[in-house]
């Protein structure tokens, strides 16, 4: 338990700890992470940057959250924002303040909050058939499966529906072990795979492995984190040595015959870490050499998020054996899918069921979301507006020394903050303060990374360049208001 002088605030990588007398409240907020509370030097709070927010209407909601919700379910901000309603790219809180949303409910709102092209179909389906389970086939479920088969790369034709990315990844890993007869799984350091025991074991960030994890049959290779290369090499002179580490790991930490390699094309919770162009081709060939399946975790990168393609892995010209997806697939409804070939799907042994998987309502929502992306050409919009966004973020880097690197693809852009560009020392305190300032200035953003120092920017796919201009204006203003 932390201790600090009464009345002082101690800033930590992913939380703000306020102490009043003998009691304190911990707020461990890192986008979708709650990282460990670690003591850092006290920081002076400047009057001109202190967040002043009237939360009168929200206080009762926050009080009930603390009283009735698990404390591990963390919130952003010193004073949590209680959302009241949303429309397309905007969110309003209970006090009526309007925010431009550039985090999209953690990369989940693909085509806009309460988009009527999606919500109208959800409402109609609720009145027609809300639930029946996978014991009975329904039109919405098979229509969604057909649509996914049409847009998925290669021969990925068979879907298993669930409720989240965690479940989708769990199903993929179980299938790989059944199909190959091997137990060994390879993941990447800094990766995040979900909250179940098996998914947490493939996750490779200590804060997300804090309890309940038994990592039997799971090993983690060096990830392609070029900005912080663990081998102290520099791309491209490195020869993509991190990709070659996968083979060394298989030879030394597994039986030599693996079940699968699972990775996110761009590591989401890890801080939008983006591999070099050659990386996944090298790894794919290695995985095949040792008998494994290549699983692309598209929970955050799927459905046009990275621009041009439906799935992130397509940028690396690799066709995986299995794709897992969720989040942006349903524009806010709880849905997940594990997609594979007919041959691999047939290798699943024993019976299975998903009570809510393929639910008629969520299936209709997911199909409607895909249709909007198609009809409005949002994959191309994500590419073109994403490129424009990247240019503006690179310009921000020239103006603000806190920005060490800008990275990502399409409308999945990350900004890594550092105290010094030479040493690359992470700046988690500044990241926390930036979130407070952007919230005060009317912009919602996320954060991530092992050190809590990466700003995550993932607006909906149908935003305009005008929205980007406003977001960049607020970011620029907010960076200028931070005093270190």
Foldseek 3Di string as FASTA:
>chain_A
DDDDPAQAWFDALQWIWGHHPPDIATAQHFLQFRFDGDGDDGDDDDPLQDFDDDCVVPPVVVVVCVVPPPSRRHAADPRGFAWDAFWFQWTAGPVGAIFGEFCLSPLFQAGGGVDVLQVVLLVVCVVPAFFDFPVDDDPLLVVLLCVCCVAAPDQFRDKWKAFAQLVLLVVVLLLLCLVQVFLAEEEAALAARDQDQVRLLNYHFCRSVVDNHDNPRYDHFYDQQQLPRPVPDHPPVVVLVSLVRVLVCCVPPGPLAHSEYEYECQGRQQFRRHHPLQRVVSNVVSNVVRHYFYEYEQANQACLQQADGRGSCVSSVDRGQKYKYARNLQSPGRMIMIIGHPVSVVSDDDDDTHRCTSGSSSSSRSVSSSVCCVVVVLRNLLQVLQVVLQVLVVVLVVVFVQFQDWDHGRQWIKTFGAPHNVVRHGDSSLLSSLQSQLVSVRYHWGFHRSSRGMITGGGHSPDDNVSSVVSSVSSSVSSVSDDD
